[in-house]
All heavy atoms as atom14 arrays in JSON, in Angstrom:
{
  "sequence": "IAPASVALLHREELASIGVPVRFALATDDQYIVFRKT",
  "atom14_mask": [
    [1, 1, 1, 1, 1, 1, 1, 1, 0, 0, 0, 0, 0, 0],
    [1, 1, 1, 1, 1, 0, 0, 0, 0, 0, 0, 0, 0, 0],
    [1, 1, 1, 1, 1, 1, 1, 0, 0, 0, 0, 0, 0, 0],
    [1, 1, 1, 1, 1, 0, 0, 0, 0, 0, 0, 0, 0, 0],
    [1, 1, 1, 1, 1, 1, 0, 0, 0, 0, 0, 0, 0, 0],
    [1, 1, 1, 1, 1, 1, 1, 0, 0, 0, 0, 0, 0, 0],
    [1, 1, 1, 1, 1, 0, 0, 0, 0, 0, 0, 0, 0, 0],
    [1, 1, 1, 1, 1, 1, 1, 1, 0, 0, 0, 0, 0, 0],
    [1, 1, 1, 1, 1, 1, 1, 1, 0, 0, 0, 0, 0, 0],
    [1, 1, 1, 1, 1, 1, 1, 1, 1, 1, 0, 0, 0, 0],
    [1, 1, 1, 1, 1, 1, 1, 1, 1, 1, 1, 0, 0, 0],
    [1, 1, 1, 1, 1, 1, 1, 1, 1, 0, 0, 0, 0, 0],
    [1, 1, 1, 1, 1, 1, 1, 1, 1, 0, 0, 0, 0, 0],
    [1, 1, 1, 1, 1, 1, 1, 1, 0, 0, 0, 0, 0, 0],
    [1, 1, 1, 1, 1, 0, 0, 0, 0, 0, 0, 0, 0, 0],
    [1, 1, 1, 1, 1, 1, 0, 0, 0, 0, 0, 0, 0, 0],
    [1, 1, 1, 1, 1, 1, 1, 1, 0, 0, 0, 0, 0, 0],
    [1, 1, 1, 1, 0, 0, 0, 0, 0, 0, 0, 0, 0, 0],
    [1, 1, 1, 1, 1, 1, 1, 0, 0, 0, 0, 0, 0, 0],
    [1, 1, 1, 1, 1, 1, 1, 0, 0, 0, 0, 0, 0, 0],
    [1, 1, 1, 1, 1, 1, 1, 0, 0, 0, 0, 0, 0, 0],
    [1, 1, 1, 1, 1, 1, 1, 1, 1, 1, 1, 0, 0, 0],
    [1, 1, 1, 1, 1, 1, 1, 1, 1, 1, 1, 0, 0, 0],
    [1, 1, 1, 1, 1, 0, 0, 0, 0, 0, 0, 0, 0, 0],
    [1, 1, 1, 1, 1, 1, 1, 1, 0, 0, 0, 0, 0, 0],
    [1, 1, 1, 1, 1, 0, 0, 0, 0, 0, 0, 0, 0, 0],
    [1, 1, 1, 1, 1, 1, 1, 0, 0, 0, 0, 0, 0, 0],
    [1, 1, 1, 1, 1, 1, 1, 1, 0, 0, 0, 0, 0, 0],
    [1, 1, 1, 1, 1, 1, 1, 1, 0, 0, 0, 0, 0, 0],
    [1, 1, 1, 1, 1, 1, 1, 1, 1, 0, 0, 0, 0, 0],
    [1, 1, 1, 1, 1, 1, 1, 1, 1, 1, 1, 1, 0, 0],
    [1, 1, 1, 1, 1, 1, 1, 1, 0, 0, 0, 0, 0, 0],
    [1, 1, 1, 1, 1, 1, 1, 0, 0, 0, 0, 0, 0, 0],
    [1, 1, 1, 1, 1, 1, 1, 1, 1, 1, 1, 0, 0, 0],
    [1, 1, 1, 1, 1, 1, 1, 1, 1, 1, 1, 0, 0, 0],
    [1, 1, 1, 1, 1, 1, 1, 1, 1, 0, 0, 0, 0, 0],
    [1, 1, 1, 1, 1, 1, 1, 0, 0, 0, 0, 0, 0, 0]
  ],
  "atom14_positions": [
    [[35.29, 36.42, 44.09], [33.89, 36.53, 43.75], [33.04, 36.12, 44.97], [33.04, 34.97, 45.39], [33.53, 35.64, 42.54], [34.36, 36.11, 41.31], [32.04, 35.7, 42.27], [34.12, 35.24, 40.1], [0.0, 0.0, 0.0], [0.0, 0.0, 0.0], [0.0, 0.0, 0.0], [0.0, 0.0, 0.0], [0.0, 0.0, 0.0], [0.0, 0.0, 0.0]],
    [[32.3, 37.06, 45.52], [31.36, 36.88, 46.62], [31.98, 36.07, 47.75], [31.41, 35.05, 48.19], [30.1, 36.18, 46.1], [0.0, 0.0, 0.0], [0.0, 0.0, 0.0], [0.0, 0.0, 0.0], [0.0, 0.0, 0.0], [0.0, 0.0, 0.0], [0.0, 0.0, 0.0], [0.0, 0.0, 0.0], [0.0, 0.0, 0.0], [0.0, 0.0, 0.0]],
    [[33.17, 36.43, 48.25], [33.8, 35.67, 49.32], [33.02, 35.81, 50.64], [32.62, 36.93, 51.01], [35.17, 36.32, 49.41], [34.96, 37.69, 48.98], [33.93, 37.66, 47.91], [0.0, 0.0, 0.0], [0.0, 0.0, 0.0], [0.0, 0.0, 0.0], [0.0, 0.0, 0.0], [0.0, 0.0, 0.0], [0.0, 0.0, 0.0], [0.0, 0.0, 0.0]],
    [[32.84, 34.7, 51.33], [31.96, 34.67, 52.47], [32.58, 35.14, 53.79], [31.89, 35.5, 54.7], [31.38, 33.25, 52.67], [0.0, 0.0, 0.0], [0.0, 0.0, 0.0], [0.0, 0.0, 0.0], [0.0, 0.0, 0.0], [0.0, 0.0, 0.0], [0.0, 0.0, 0.0], [0.0, 0.0, 0.0], [0.0, 0.0, 0.0], [0.0, 0.0, 0.0]],
    [[33.91, 35.14, 53.87], [34.56, 35.32, 55.2], [35.2, 36.67, 55.4], [35.78, 36.88, 56.47], [35.55, 34.19, 55.43], [36.55, 34.22, 54.42], [0.0, 0.0, 0.0], [0.0, 0.0, 0.0], [0.0, 0.0, 0.0], [0.0, 0.0, 0.0], [0.0, 0.0, 0.0], [0.0, 0.0, 0.0], [0.0, 0.0, 0.0], [0.0, 0.0, 0.0]],
    [[35.17, 37.54, 54.45], [35.9, 38.82, 54.55], [35.53, 39.61, 55.78], [36.37, 40.08, 56.52], [35.71, 39.67, 53.28], [36.32, 41.04, 53.47], [36.34, 38.99, 52.08], [0.0, 0.0, 0.0], [0.0, 0.0, 0.0], [0.0, 0.0, 0.0], [0.0, 0.0, 0.0], [0.0, 0.0, 0.0], [0.0, 0.0, 0.0], [0.0, 0.0, 0.0]],
    [[34.22, 39.74, 56.05], [33.76, 40.51, 57.18], [34.11, 39.87, 58.53], [34.06, 40.54, 59.56], [32.25, 40.74, 57.11], [0.0, 0.0, 0.0], [0.0, 0.0, 0.0], [0.0, 0.0, 0.0], [0.0, 0.0, 0.0], [0.0, 0.0, 0.0], [0.0, 0.0, 0.0], [0.0, 0.0, 0.0], [0.0, 0.0, 0.0], [0.0, 0.0, 0.0]],
    [[34.5, 38.59, 58.54], [34.84, 37.88, 59.75], [36.32, 37.94, 60.05], [36.72, 37.55, 61.15], [34.37, 36.43, 59.67], [32.89, 36.22, 59.4], [32.59, 34.75, 59.27], [32.02, 36.87, 60.48], [0.0, 0.0, 0.0], [0.0, 0.0, 0.0], [0.0, 0.0, 0.0], [0.0, 0.0, 0.0], [0.0, 0.0, 0.0], [0.0, 0.0, 0.0]],
    [[37.13, 38.34, 59.09], [38.57, 38.35, 59.28], [39.0, 39.52, 60.2], [38.37, 40.56, 60.2], [39.29, 38.43, 57.95], [39.11, 37.24, 57.0], [39.79, 37.56, 55.66], [39.69, 36.0, 57.61], [0.0, 0.0, 0.0], [0.0, 0.0, 0.0], [0.0, 0.0, 0.0], [0.0, 0.0, 0.0], [0.0, 0.0, 0.0], [0.0, 0.0, 0.0]],
    [[40.07, 39.31, 60.92], [40.6, 40.37, 61.77], [41.27, 41.46, 60.87], [41.72, 41.18, 59.75], [41.63, 39.83, 62.75], [41.06, 38.91, 63.76], [40.12, 39.31, 64.69], [41.29, 37.57, 63.97], [39.81, 38.29, 65.44], [40.45, 37.22, 65.05], [0.0, 0.0, 0.0], [0.0, 0.0, 0.0], [0.0, 0.0, 0.0], [0.0, 0.0, 0.0]],
    [[41.36, 42.65, 61.4], [41.95, 43.76, 60.68], [43.38, 43.42, 60.26], [43.81, 43.72, 59.13], [41.94, 45.0, 61.55], [42.59, 46.24, 60.93], [42.39, 47.44, 61.77], [42.87, 47.19, 63.14], [42.65, 48.06, 64.17], [41.93, 49.13, 63.94], [43.11, 47.78, 65.36], [0.0, 0.0, 0.0], [0.0, 0.0, 0.0], [0.0, 0.0, 0.0]],
    [[44.09, 42.79, 61.15], [45.51, 42.43, 60.89], [45.6, 41.44, 59.72], [46.55, 41.49, 58.92], [46.21, 41.89, 62.14], [46.31, 42.91, 63.28], [45.02, 43.11, 64.05], [44.07, 42.32, 63.82], [44.95, 44.03, 64.82], [0.0, 0.0, 0.0], [0.0, 0.0, 0.0], [0.0, 0.0, 0.0], [0.0, 0.0, 0.0], [0.0, 0.0, 0.0]],
    [[44.63, 40.48, 59.68], [44.67, 39.48, 58.62], [44.46, 40.15, 57.24], [45.14, 39.83, 56.28], [43.61, 38.43, 58.87], [43.89, 37.57, 60.08], [42.77, 36.6, 60.36], [41.61, 37.04, 60.52], [43.05, 35.4, 60.46], [0.0, 0.0, 0.0], [0.0, 0.0, 0.0], [0.0, 0.0, 0.0], [0.0, 0.0, 0.0], [0.0, 0.0, 0.0]],
    [[43.54, 41.07, 57.16], [43.27, 41.76, 55.92], [44.42, 42.65, 55.53], [44.84, 42.71, 54.36], [41.95, 42.56, 56.02], [40.66, 41.74, 56.06], [39.49, 42.63, 56.4], [40.43, 41.03, 54.74], [0.0, 0.0, 0.0], [0.0, 0.0, 0.0], [0.0, 0.0, 0.0], [0.0, 0.0, 0.0], [0.0, 0.0, 0.0], [0.0, 0.0, 0.0]],
    [[44.95, 43.35, 56.54], [46.03, 44.3, 56.27], [47.31, 43.58, 55.8], [48.16, 44.21, 55.18], [46.32, 45.14, 57.52], [0.0, 0.0, 0.0], [0.0, 0.0, 0.0], [0.0, 0.0, 0.0], [0.0, 0.0, 0.0], [0.0, 0.0, 0.0], [0.0, 0.0, 0.0], [0.0, 0.0, 0.0], [0.0, 0.0, 0.0], [0.0, 0.0, 0.0]],
    [[47.44, 42.29, 56.12], [48.63, 41.56, 55.75], [48.66, 41.18, 54.25], [49.67, 40.7, 53.74], [48.79, 40.32, 56.6], [47.77, 39.37, 56.26], [0.0, 0.0, 0.0], [0.0, 0.0, 0.0], [0.0, 0.0, 0.0], [0.0, 0.0, 0.0], [0.0, 0.0, 0.0], [0.0, 0.0, 0.0], [0.0, 0.0, 0.0], [0.0, 0.0, 0.0]],
    [[47.54, 41.33, 53.56], [47.44, 40.97, 52.15], [48.24, 41.99, 51.35], [47.93, 43.19, 51.34], [45.98, 40.92, 51.66], [45.25, 39.84, 52.47], [45.93, 40.65, 50.15], [43.77, 39.81, 52.18], [0.0, 0.0, 0.0], [0.0, 0.0, 0.0], [0.0, 0.0, 0.0], [0.0, 0.0, 0.0], [0.0, 0.0, 0.0], [0.0, 0.0, 0.0]],
    [[49.25, 41.52, 50.66], [50.18, 42.46, 49.99], [50.08, 42.46, 48.47], [50.93, 43.1, 47.83], [0.0, 0.0, 0.0], [0.0, 0.0, 0.0], [0.0, 0.0, 0.0], [0.0, 0.0, 0.0], [0.0, 0.0, 0.0], [0.0, 0.0, 0.0], [0.0, 0.0, 0.0], [0.0, 0.0, 0.0], [0.0, 0.0, 0.0], [0.0, 0.0, 0.0]],
    [[49.09, 41.76, 47.9], [48.97, 41.71, 46.42], [47.69, 42.42, 46.03], [46.79, 42.62, 46.84], [48.94, 40.26, 45.96], [50.23, 39.54, 46.28], [47.72, 39.49, 46.51], [0.0, 0.0, 0.0], [0.0, 0.0, 0.0], [0.0, 0.0, 0.0], [0.0, 0.0, 0.0], [0.0, 0.0, 0.0], [0.0, 0.0, 0.0], [0.0, 0.0, 0.0]],
    [[47.64, 42.86, 44.78], [46.39, 43.53, 44.33], [45.19, 42.57, 44.42], [45.27, 41.42, 44.07], [46.7, 43.86, 42.86], [48.18, 43.9, 42.78], [48.67, 42.87, 43.76], [0.0, 0.0, 0.0], [0.0, 0.0, 0.0], [0.0, 0.0, 0.0], [0.0, 0.0, 0.0], [0.0, 0.0, 0.0], [0.0, 0.0, 0.0], [0.0, 0.0, 0.0]],
    [[44.08, 43.12, 44.93], [42.84, 42.32, 45.09], [41.69, 43.08, 44.5], [41.55, 44.31, 44.68], [42.55, 42.02, 46.57], [41.32, 41.16, 46.68], [43.74, 41.36, 47.23], [0.0, 0.0, 0.0], [0.0, 0.0, 0.0], [0.0, 0.0, 0.0], [0.0, 0.0, 0.0], [0.0, 0.0, 0.0], [0.0, 0.0, 0.0], [0.0, 0.0, 0.0]],
    [[40.83, 42.38, 43.75], [39.62, 42.94, 43.25], [38.45, 42.04, 43.66], [38.55, 40.8, 43.57], [39.6, 43.17, 41.75], [38.34, 43.85, 41.19], [38.61, 44.45, 39.84], [37.46, 45.05, 39.2], [36.97, 46.26, 39.46], [37.55, 47.0, 40.4], [35.95, 46.74, 38.79], [0.0, 0.0, 0.0], [0.0, 0.0, 0.0], [0.0, 0.0, 0.0]],
    [[37.35, 42.62, 44.18], [36.21, 41.83, 44.62], [35.03, 42.05, 43.69], [34.78, 43.15, 43.22], [35.77, 42.27, 46.04], [36.81, 41.97, 47.1], [37.81, 42.9, 47.38], [36.73, 40.81, 47.84], [38.74, 42.64, 48.4], [37.66, 40.54, 48.85], [38.65, 41.45, 49.1], [0.0, 0.0, 0.0], [0.0, 0.0, 0.0], [0.0, 0.0, 0.0]],
    [[34.27, 40.97, 43.47], [32.99, 41.05, 42.78], [31.94, 40.74, 43.81], [31.88, 39.58, 44.35], [32.95, 40.09, 41.6], [0.0, 0.0, 0.0], [0.0, 0.0, 0.0], [0.0, 0.0, 0.0], [0.0, 0.0, 0.0], [0.0, 0.0, 0.0], [0.0, 0.0, 0.0], [0.0, 0.0, 0.0], [0.0, 0.0, 0.0], [0.0, 0.0, 0.0]],
    [[31.06, 41.69, 44.15], [30.07, 41.51, 45.19], [28.68, 41.72, 44.64], [28.46, 42.6, 43.77], [30.3, 42.51, 46.33], [31.66, 42.47, 47.02], [31.7, 43.57, 48.1], [31.92, 41.13, 47.61], [0.0, 0.0, 0.0], [0.0, 0.0, 0.0], [0.0, 0.0, 0.0], [0.0, 0.0, 0.0], [0.0, 0.0, 0.0], [0.0, 0.0, 0.0]],
    [[27.72, 40.92, 45.09], [26.3, 41.05, 44.72], [25.55, 41.72, 45.86], [25.67, 41.31, 47.03], [25.71, 39.7, 44.43], [0.0, 0.0, 0.0], [0.0, 0.0, 0.0], [0.0, 0.0, 0.0], [0.0, 0.0, 0.0], [0.0, 0.0, 0.0], [0.0, 0.0, 0.0], [0.0, 0.0, 0.0], [0.0, 0.0, 0.0], [0.0, 0.0, 0.0]],
    [[24.76, 42.72, 45.56], [24.1, 43.48, 46.6], [23.07, 42.69, 47.39], [22.82, 42.94, 48.54], [23.41, 44.75, 46.01], [22.42, 44.35, 45.06], [24.43, 45.69, 45.38], [0.0, 0.0, 0.0], [0.0, 0.0, 0.0], [0.0, 0.0, 0.0], [0.0, 0.0, 0.0], [0.0, 0.0, 0.0], [0.0, 0.0, 0.0], [0.0, 0.0, 0.0]],
    [[22.44, 41.67, 46.73], [21.38, 40.9, 47.39], [21.89, 39.46, 47.71], [21.12, 38.52, 47.72], [20.16, 40.82, 46.48], [19.47, 42.17, 46.34], [20.04, 43.2, 46.79], [18.37, 42.2, 45.76], [0.0, 0.0, 0.0], [0.0, 0.0, 0.0], [0.0, 0.0, 0.0], [0.0, 0.0, 0.0], [0.0, 0.0, 0.0], [0.0, 0.0, 0.0]],
    [[23.18, 39.33, 48.01], [23.73, 38.04, 48.31], [23.07, 37.45, 49.55], [22.96, 38.13, 50.58], [25.24, 38.2, 48.56], [26.01, 36.87, 48.49], [25.62, 35.96, 49.22], [26.96, 36.8, 47.71], [0.0, 0.0, 0.0], [0.0, 0.0, 0.0], [0.0, 0.0, 0.0], [0.0, 0.0, 0.0], [0.0, 0.0, 0.0], [0.0, 0.0, 0.0]],
    [[22.63, 36.19, 49.45], [21.89, 35.55, 50.57], [22.83, 35.03, 51.64], [22.39, 34.71, 52.75], [21.06, 34.34, 50.06], [20.13, 34.69, 48.91], [20.75, 34.37, 47.54], [21.86, 34.81, 47.26], [20.03, 33.6, 46.76], [0.0, 0.0, 0.0], [0.0, 0.0, 0.0], [0.0, 0.0, 0.0], [0.0, 0.0, 0.0], [0.0, 0.0, 0.0]],
    [[24.14, 34.9, 51.35], [25.05, 34.24, 52.27], [26.1, 35.16, 52.91], [26.73, 34.8, 53.89], [25.76, 33.09, 51.57], [24.81, 32.05, 51.01], [24.6, 31.95, 49.65], [24.12, 31.26, 51.87], [23.7, 31.01, 49.14], [23.21, 30.32, 51.39], [22.98, 30.18, 50.03], [22.13, 29.28, 49.54], [0.0, 0.0, 0.0], [0.0, 0.0, 0.0]],
    [[26.28, 36.32, 52.33], [27.19, 37.27, 52.96], [26.45, 38.59, 53.12], [25.49, 38.88, 52.37], [28.5, 37.53, 52.13], [28.18, 38.24, 50.8], [29.21, 36.2, 51.86], [29.4, 38.62, 50.05], [0.0, 0.0, 0.0], [0.0, 0.0, 0.0], [0.0, 0.0, 0.0], [0.0, 0.0, 0.0], [0.0, 0.0, 0.0], [0.0, 0.0, 0.0]],
    [[26.83, 39.37, 54.12], [26.17, 40.7, 54.36], [26.96, 41.69, 53.5], [28.1, 42.03, 53.77], [26.2, 41.08, 55.82], [25.53, 42.45, 55.99], [25.52, 39.98, 56.67], [0.0, 0.0, 0.0], [0.0, 0.0, 0.0], [0.0, 0.0, 0.0], [0.0, 0.0, 0.0], [0.0, 0.0, 0.0], [0.0, 0.0, 0.0], [0.0, 0.0, 0.0]],
    [[26.31, 42.17, 52.45], [27.0, 42.98, 51.45], [27.63, 44.22, 52.07], [28.8, 44.49, 51.88], [26.01, 43.4, 50.37], [26.53, 44.49, 49.45], [27.48, 44.23, 48.46], [26.08, 45.79, 49.59], [27.96, 45.2, 47.66], [26.57, 46.79, 48.78], [27.5, 46.52, 47.78], [0.0, 0.0, 0.0], [0.0, 0.0, 0.0], [0.0, 0.0, 0.0]],
    [[26.88, 44.97, 52.93], [27.4, 46.21, 53.47], [28.56, 45.99, 54.42], [29.52, 46.75, 54.43], [26.26, 46.96, 54.14], [25.18, 47.48, 53.18], [24.22, 48.48, 53.8], [23.21, 48.9, 52.87], [23.38, 49.83, 51.95], [24.57, 50.42, 51.88], [22.4, 50.17, 51.11], [0.0, 0.0, 0.0], [0.0, 0.0, 0.0], [0.0, 0.0, 0.0]],
    [[28.48, 44.94, 55.25], [29.57, 44.66, 56.17], [30.84, 44.21, 55.41], [31.96, 44.58, 55.77], [29.18, 43.54, 57.14], [28.19, 44.01, 58.21], [27.95, 42.89, 59.24], [27.07, 43.41, 60.35], [26.78, 42.34, 61.38], [0.0, 0.0, 0.0], [0.0, 0.0, 0.0], [0.0, 0.0, 0.0], [0.0, 0.0, 0.0], [0.0, 0.0, 0.0]],
    [[30.65, 43.45, 54.35], [31.78, 43.0, 53.54], [32.43, 44.21, 52.87], [33.67, 44.38, 52.9], [31.36, 41.97, 52.48], [30.78, 40.84, 53.15], [32.53, 41.53, 51.63], [0.0, 0.0, 0.0], [0.0, 0.0, 0.0], [0.0, 0.0, 0.0], [0.0, 0.0, 0.0], [0.0, 0.0, 0.0], [0.0, 0.0, 0.0], [0.0, 0.0, 0.0]]
  ]
}
């Protein structure tokens, strides 16, 4: 739910995630950039 660091992770770090993931994102989040995330 609204994770703050996704856009800062390296491609390899994200690609290494091997389990199903679902994200809940808010379009007007003050702390993460929605479009970059």
